Amino acid sequence: MELKPYNPKAVCPKCGNTGIGARYMPYQVLNPGGSVPESVTRTCAFCGYWWNELPLDSRGELPNAMP
């Protein structure tokens, strides 16, 4: 899964709202079958749609100890 870099001027791709929240998330395991590196979860304050972006200092890699 390829993530785009964090965008401080993000606009919701579903409704166009500019009120976007940001929350840092460490490495995540997704079910079924997949993982994402550390990310910033973006959430639209209007419609609730969410997506992940890479933190500014991330290289987009999974930790070595994780599958």
PDB file of N, CA and C in Angstrom:
ATOM      1  N   MET A   1       0.849  -1.176   0.000  1.00  0.00           N
ATOM      2  CA  MET A   1       0.000   0.000   0.000  1.00  0.00           C
ATOM      3  C   MET A   1       0.894   1.239   0.000  1.00  0.00           C
ATOM      4  N   GLU A   2       0.765   2.056  -0.992  1.00  0.00           N
ATOM      5  CA  GLU A   2       1.576   3.270  -1.110  1.00  0.00           C
ATOM      6  C   GLU A   2       0.801   4.474  -0.579  1.00  0.00           C
ATOM      7  N   LEU A   3       1.405   5.190   0.351  1.00  0.00           N
ATOM      8  CA  LEU A   3       0.761   6.363   0.937  1.00  0.00           C
ATOM      9  C   LEU A   3       1.379   7.640   0.388  1.00  0.00           C
ATOM     10  N   LYS A   4       0.555   8.662   0.255  1.00  0.00           N
ATOM     11  CA  LYS A   4       1.045   9.979  -0.148  1.00  0.00           C
ATOM     12  C   LYS A   4       1.617  10.676   1.085  1.00  0.00           C
ATOM     13  N   PRO A   5       2.541  11.626   0.897  1.00  0.00           N
ATOM     14  CA  PRO A   5       3.073  12.368   2.039  1.00  0.00           C
ATOM     15  C   PRO A   5       2.001  13.255   2.684  1.00  0.00           C
ATOM     16  N   TYR A   6       2.189  13.534   3.962  1.00  0.00           N
ATOM     17  CA  TYR A   6       1.281  14.403   4.706  1.00  0.00           C
ATOM     18  C   TYR A   6       1.110  15.736   3.984  1.00  0.00           C
ATOM     19  N   ASN A   7      -0.140  16.159   3.855  1.00  0.00           N
ATOM     20  CA  ASN A   7      -0.464  17.429   3.203  1.00  0.00           C
ATOM     21  C   ASN A   7      -1.195  18.318   4.202  1.00  0.00           C
ATOM     22  N   PRO A   8      -0.533  19.355   4.736  1.00  0.00           N
ATOM     23  CA  PRO A   8      -1.184  20.210   5.725  1.00  0.00           C
ATOM     24  C   PRO A   8      -2.356  21.006   5.158  1.00  0.00           C
ATOM     25  N   LYS A   9      -2.487  21.055   3.848  1.00  0.00           N
ATOM     26  CA  LYS A   9      -3.591  21.787   3.215  1.00  0.00           C
ATOM     27  C   LYS A   9      -4.593  20.833   2.568  1.00  0.00           C
ATOM     28  N   ALA A  10      -4.727  19.647   3.145  1.00  0.00           N
ATOM     29  CA  ALA A  10      -5.594  18.617   2.576  1.00  0.00           C
ATOM     30  C   ALA A  10      -7.051  19.078   2.491  1.00  0.00           C
ATOM     31  N   VAL A  11      -7.708  18.590   1.463  1.00  0.00           N
ATOM     32  CA  VAL A  11      -9.133  18.795   1.238  1.00  0.00           C
ATOM     33  C   VAL A  11      -9.755  17.406   1.130  1.00  0.00           C
ATOM     34  N   CYS A  12     -10.919  17.215   1.733  1.00  0.00           N
ATOM     35  CA  CYS A  12     -11.565  15.911   1.674  1.00  0.00           C
ATOM     36  C   CYS A  12     -11.861  15.537   0.224  1.00  0.00           C
ATOM     37  N   PRO A  13     -11.393  14.352  -0.215  1.00  0.00           N
ATOM     38  CA  PRO A  13     -11.637  13.943  -1.593  1.00  0.00           C
ATOM     39  C   PRO A  13     -13.092  13.558  -1.853  1.00  0.00           C
ATOM     40  N   LYS A  14     -13.888  13.382  -0.816  1.00  0.00           N
ATOM     41  CA  LYS A  14     -15.290  12.988  -0.988  1.00  0.00           C
ATOM     42  C   LYS A  14     -16.235  14.180  -1.022  1.00  0.00           C
ATOM     43  N   CYS A  15     -16.040  15.153  -0.116  1.00  0.00           N
ATOM     44  CA  CYS A  15     -17.000  16.263  -0.033  1.00  0.00           C
ATOM     45  C   CYS A  15     -16.385  17.641  -0.256  1.00  0.00           C
ATOM     46  N   GLY A  16     -15.044  17.718  -0.331  1.00  0.00           N
ATOM     47  CA  GLY A  16     -14.383  18.991  -0.591  1.00  0.00           C
ATOM     48  C   GLY A  16     -14.188  19.879   0.628  1.00  0.00           C
ATOM     49  N   ASN A  17     -14.563  19.395   1.799  1.00  0.00           N
ATOM     50  CA  ASN A  17     -14.411  20.175   3.023  1.00  0.00           C
ATOM     51  C   ASN A  17     -12.934  20.385   3.348  1.00  0.00           C
ATOM     52  N   THR A  18     -12.610  21.524   3.945  1.00  0.00           N
ATOM     53  CA  THR A  18     -11.224  21.812   4.324  1.00  0.00           C
ATOM     54  C   THR A  18     -10.962  21.585   5.817  1.00  0.00           C
ATOM     55  N   GLY A  19     -11.975  21.214   6.584  1.00  0.00           N
ATOM     56  CA  GLY A  19     -11.802  20.944   8.012  1.00  0.00           C
ATOM     57  C   GLY A  19     -11.337  19.516   8.228  1.00  0.00           C
ATOM     58  N   ILE A  20     -10.026  19.297   8.087  1.00  0.00           N
ATOM     59  CA  ILE A  20      -9.460  17.953   8.139  1.00  0.00           C
ATOM     60  C   ILE A  20      -8.616  17.793   9.399  1.00  0.00           C
ATOM     61  N   GLY A  21      -8.930  16.781  10.193  1.00  0.00           N
ATOM     62  CA  GLY A  21      -8.152  16.480  11.384  1.00  0.00           C
ATOM     63  C   GLY A  21      -6.977  15.574  11.043  1.00  0.00           C
ATOM     64  N   ALA A  22      -6.018  15.496  11.958  1.00  0.00           N
ATOM     65  CA  ALA A  22      -4.836  14.659  11.763  1.00  0.00           C
ATOM     66  C   ALA A  22      -4.493  13.969  13.078  1.00  0.00           C
ATOM     67  N   ARG A  23      -4.207  12.661  12.994  1.00  0.00           N
ATOM     68  CA  ARG A  23      -3.802  11.898  14.177  1.00  0.00           C
ATOM     69  C   ARG A  23      -2.698  10.936  13.786  1.00  0.00           C
ATOM     70  N   TYR A  24      -1.565  11.009  14.490  1.00  0.00           N
ATOM     71  CA  TYR A  24      -0.443  10.107  14.234  1.00  0.00           C
ATOM     72  C   TYR A  24      -0.805   8.693  14.664  1.00  0.00           C
ATOM     73  N   MET A  25      -0.468   7.729  13.805  1.00  0.00           N
ATOM     74  CA  MET A  25      -0.693   6.324  14.106  1.00  0.00           C
ATOM     75  C   MET A  25       0.600   5.561  13.847  1.00  0.00           C
ATOM     76  N   PRO A  26       1.110   4.807  14.840  1.00  0.00           N
ATOM     77  CA  PRO A  26       2.281   3.983  14.577  1.00  0.00           C
ATOM     78  C   PRO A  26       1.919   2.844  13.631  1.00  0.00           C
ATOM     79  N   TYR A  27       2.873   2.000  13.293  1.00  0.00           N
ATOM     80  CA  TYR A  27       2.677   0.834  12.425  1.00  0.00           C
ATOM     81  C   TYR A  27       1.343   0.157  12.708  1.00  0.00           C
ATOM     82  N   GLN A  28       0.604  -0.194  11.656  1.00  0.00           N
ATOM     83  CA  GLN A  28      -0.712  -0.816  11.808  1.00  0.00           C
ATOM     84  C   GLN A  28      -0.781  -2.120  11.027  1.00  0.00           C
ATOM     85  N   VAL A  29      -1.444  -3.099  11.597  1.00  0.00           N
ATOM     86  CA  VAL A  29      -1.723  -4.347  10.899  1.00  0.00           C
ATOM     87  C   VAL A  29      -3.177  -4.302  10.475  1.00  0.00           C
ATOM     88  N   LEU A  30      -3.407  -4.513   9.189  1.00  0.00           N
ATOM     89  CA  LEU A  30      -4.759  -4.501   8.662  1.00  0.00           C
ATOM     90  C   LEU A  30      -5.258  -5.929   8.489  1.00  0.00           C
ATOM     91  N   ASN A  31      -6.517  -6.141   8.698  1.00  0.00           N
ATOM     92  CA  ASN A  31      -7.098  -7.468   8.489  1.00  0.00           C
ATOM     93  C   ASN A  31      -8.140  -7.360   7.398  1.00  0.00           C
ATOM     94  N   PRO A  32      -8.113  -8.204   6.409  1.00  0.00           N
ATOM     95  CA  PRO A  32      -7.165  -9.276   6.164  1.00  0.00           C
ATOM     96  C   PRO A  32      -5.940  -8.807   5.392  1.00  0.00           C
ATOM     97  N   GLY A  33      -4.859  -9.492   5.596  1.00  0.00           N
ATOM     98  CA  GLY A  33      -3.630  -9.455   4.818  1.00  0.00           C
ATOM     99  C   GLY A  33      -3.078  -8.116   4.398  1.00  0.00           C
ATOM    100  N   GLY A  34      -2.433  -7.445   5.261  1.00  0.00           N
ATOM    101  CA  GLY A  34      -1.748  -6.242   4.858  1.00  0.00           C
ATOM    102  C   GLY A  34      -1.342  -5.414   6.057  1.00  0.00           C
ATOM    103  N   SER A  35      -0.396  -4.557   5.833  1.00  0.00           N
ATOM    104  CA  SER A  35       0.094  -3.667   6.872  1.00  0.00           C
ATOM    105  C   SER A  35       0.389  -2.322   6.245  1.00  0.00           C
ATOM    106  N   VAL A  36       0.370  -1.291   7.057  1.00  0.00           N
ATOM    107  CA  VAL A  36       0.786   0.029   6.596  1.00  0.00           C
ATOM    108  C   VAL A  36       1.863   0.536   7.541  1.00  0.00           C
ATOM    109  N   PRO A  37       2.802   1.313   7.024  1.00  0.00           N
ATOM    110  CA  PRO A  37       3.813   1.889   7.900  1.00  0.00           C
ATOM    111  C   PRO A  37       3.167   2.922   8.811  1.00  0.00           C
ATOM    112  N   GLU A  38       3.986   3.535   9.664  1.00  0.00           N
ATOM    113  CA  GLU A  38       3.428   4.605  10.482  1.00  0.00           C
ATOM    114  C   GLU A  38       2.726   5.595   9.557  1.00  0.00           C
ATOM    115  N   SER A  39       1.687   6.227  10.067  1.00  0.00           N
ATOM    116  CA  SER A  39       0.914   7.112   9.203  1.00  0.00           C
ATOM    117  C   SER A  39       0.267   8.221  10.013  1.00  0.00           C
ATOM    118  N   VAL A  40      -0.262   9.194   9.299  1.00  0.00           N
ATOM    119  CA  VAL A  40      -1.109  10.225   9.886  1.00  0.00           C
ATOM    120  C   VAL A  40      -2.500   9.969   9.317  1.00  0.00           C
ATOM    121  N   THR A  41      -3.440   9.624  10.195  1.00  0.00           N
ATOM    122  CA  THR A  41      -4.807   9.383   9.755  1.00  0.00           C
ATOM    123  C   THR A  41      -5.531  10.715   9.670  1.00  0.00           C
ATOM    124  N   ARG A  42      -6.025  11.022   8.485  1.00  0.00           N
ATOM    125  CA  ARG A  42      -6.746  12.266   8.231  1.00  0.00           C
ATOM    126  C   ARG A  42      -8.240  11.975   8.265  1.00  0.00           C
ATOM    127  N   THR A  43      -9.021  12.817   8.927  1.00  0.00           N
ATOM    128  CA  THR A  43     -10.460  12.617   9.041  1.00  0.00           C
ATOM    129  C   THR A  43     -11.191  13.910   8.729  1.00  0.00           C
ATOM    130  N   CYS A  44     -12.176  13.814   7.853  1.00  0.00           N
ATOM    131  CA  CYS A  44     -12.978  14.972   7.493  1.00  0.00           C
ATOM    132  C   CYS A  44     -13.972  15.259   8.617  1.00  0.00           C
ATOM    133  N   ALA A  45     -13.992  16.499   9.095  1.00  0.00           N
ATOM    134  CA  ALA A  45     -14.899  16.894  10.167  1.00  0.00           C
ATOM    135  C   ALA A  45     -16.351  16.979   9.691  1.00  0.00           C
ATOM    136  N   PHE A  46     -16.567  17.042   8.393  1.00  0.00           N
ATOM    137  CA  PHE A  46     -17.924  17.190   7.862  1.00  0.00           C
ATOM    138  C   PHE A  46     -18.572  15.843   7.559  1.00  0.00           C
ATOM    139  N   CYS A  47     -17.918  15.016   6.720  1.00  0.00           N
ATOM    140  CA  CYS A  47     -18.552  13.760   6.287  1.00  0.00           C
ATOM    141  C   CYS A  47     -17.998  12.527   6.979  1.00  0.00           C
ATOM    142  N   GLY A  48     -16.878  12.658   7.699  1.00  0.00           N
ATOM    143  CA  GLY A  48     -16.309  11.528   8.427  1.00  0.00           C
ATOM    144  C   GLY A  48     -15.396  10.622   7.615  1.00  0.00           C
ATOM    145  N   TYR A  49     -15.229  10.916   6.335  1.00  0.00           N
ATOM    146  CA  TYR A  49     -14.323  10.108   5.512  1.00  0.00           C
ATOM    147  C   TYR A  49     -12.907  10.213   6.084  1.00  0.00           C
ATOM    148  N   TRP A  50     -12.150   9.100   6.033  1.00  0.00           N
ATOM    149  CA  TRP A  50     -10.773   9.125   6.533  1.00  0.00           C
ATOM    150  C   TRP A  50      -9.844   8.431   5.561  1.00  0.00           C
ATOM    151  N   TRP A  51      -8.567   8.823   5.635  1.00  0.00           N
ATOM    152  CA  TRP A  51      -7.515   8.228   4.814  1.00  0.00           C
ATOM    153  C   TRP A  51      -6.191   8.418   5.529  1.00  0.00           C
ATOM    154  N   ASN A  52      -5.174   7.682   5.075  1.00  0.00           N
ATOM    155  CA  ASN A  52      -3.849   7.757   5.696  1.00  0.00           C
ATOM    156  C   ASN A  52      -2.856   8.461   4.791  1.00  0.00           C
ATOM    157  N   GLU A  53      -1.944   9.193   5.416  1.00  0.00           N
ATOM    158  CA  GLU A  53      -0.821   9.836   4.727  1.00  0.00           C
ATOM    159  C   GLU A  53       0.448   9.522   5.501  1.00  0.00           C
ATOM    160  N   LEU A  54       1.584   9.627   4.833  1.00  0.00           N
ATOM    161  CA  LEU A  54       2.865   9.400   5.503  1.00  0.00           C
ATOM    162  C   LEU A  54       3.261  10.613   6.341  1.00  0.00           C
ATOM    163  N   PRO A  55       3.804  10.406   7.553  1.00  0.00           N
ATOM    164  CA  PRO A  55       4.356  11.522   8.311  1.00  0.00           C
ATOM    165  C   PRO A  55       5.498  12.171   7.531  1.00  0.00           C
ATOM    166  N   LEU A  56       5.760  13.416   7.793  1.00  0.00           N
ATOM    167  CA  LEU A  56       6.804  14.147   7.071  1.00  0.00           C
ATOM    168  C   LEU A  56       8.178  13.505   7.222  1.00  0.00           C
ATOM    169  N   ASP A  57       8.458  12.879   8.378  1.00  0.00           N
ATOM    170  CA  ASP A  57       9.781  12.296   8.602  1.00  0.00           C
ATOM    171  C   ASP A  57       9.834  10.794   8.306  1.00  0.00           C
ATOM    172  N   SER A  58       8.787  10.242   7.736  1.00  0.00           N
ATOM    173  CA  SER A  58       8.725   8.801   7.472  1.00  0.00           C
ATOM    174  C   SER A  58       9.365   8.447   6.136  1.00  0.00           C
ATOM    175  N   ARG A  59       9.936   7.239   6.091  1.00  0.00           N
ATOM    176  CA  ARG A  59      10.445   6.699   4.836  1.00  0.00           C
ATOM    177  C   ARG A  59       9.482   5.673   4.253  1.00  0.00           C
ATOM    178  N   GLY A  60       8.337   5.478   4.942  1.00  0.00           N
ATOM    179  CA  GLY A  60       7.328   4.564   4.445  1.00  0.00           C
ATOM    180  C   GLY A  60       7.683   3.104   4.581  1.00  0.00           C
ATOM    181  N   GLU A  61       8.548   2.776   5.524  1.00  0.00           N
ATOM    182  CA  GLU A  61       8.999   1.404   5.691  1.00  0.00           C
ATOM    183  C   GLU A  61       8.345   0.777   6.910  1.00  0.00           C
ATOM    184  N   LEU A  62       8.150  -0.525   6.840  1.00  0.00           N
ATOM    185  CA  LEU A  62       7.651  -1.253   7.993  1.00  0.00           C
ATOM    186  C   LEU A  62       8.811  -1.578   8.914  1.00  0.00           C
ATOM    187  N   PRO A  63       8.581  -1.636  10.225  1.00  0.00           N
ATOM    188  CA  PRO A  63       9.662  -2.005  11.142  1.00  0.00           C
ATOM    189  C   PRO A  63      10.209  -3.381  10.799  1.00  0.00           C
ATOM    190  N   ASN A  64      11.515  -3.595  10.987  1.00  0.00           N
ATOM    191  CA  ASN A  64      12.158  -4.861  10.647  1.00  0.00           C
ATOM    192  C   ASN A  64      11.568  -6.049  11.393  1.00  0.00           C
ATOM    193  N   ALA A  65      11.133  -5.845  12.619  1.00  0.00           N
ATOM    194  CA  ALA A  65      10.626  -6.948  13.422  1.00  0.00           C
ATOM    195  C   ALA A  65       9.204  -7.354  13.042  1.00  0.00           C
ATOM    196  N   MET A  66       8.537  -6.585  12.205  1.00  0.00           N
ATOM    197  CA  MET A  66       7.158  -6.879  11.840  1.00  0.00           C
ATOM    198  C   MET A  66       7.106  -7.647  10.525  1.00  0.00           C
ATOM    199  N   PRO A  67       6.076  -8.496  10.353  1.00  0.00           N
ATOM    200  CA  PRO A  67       5.950  -9.266   9.092  1.00  0.00           C
ATOM    201  C   PRO A  67       5.549  -8.386   7.927  1.00  0.00           C
TER     202      PRO A  67
END
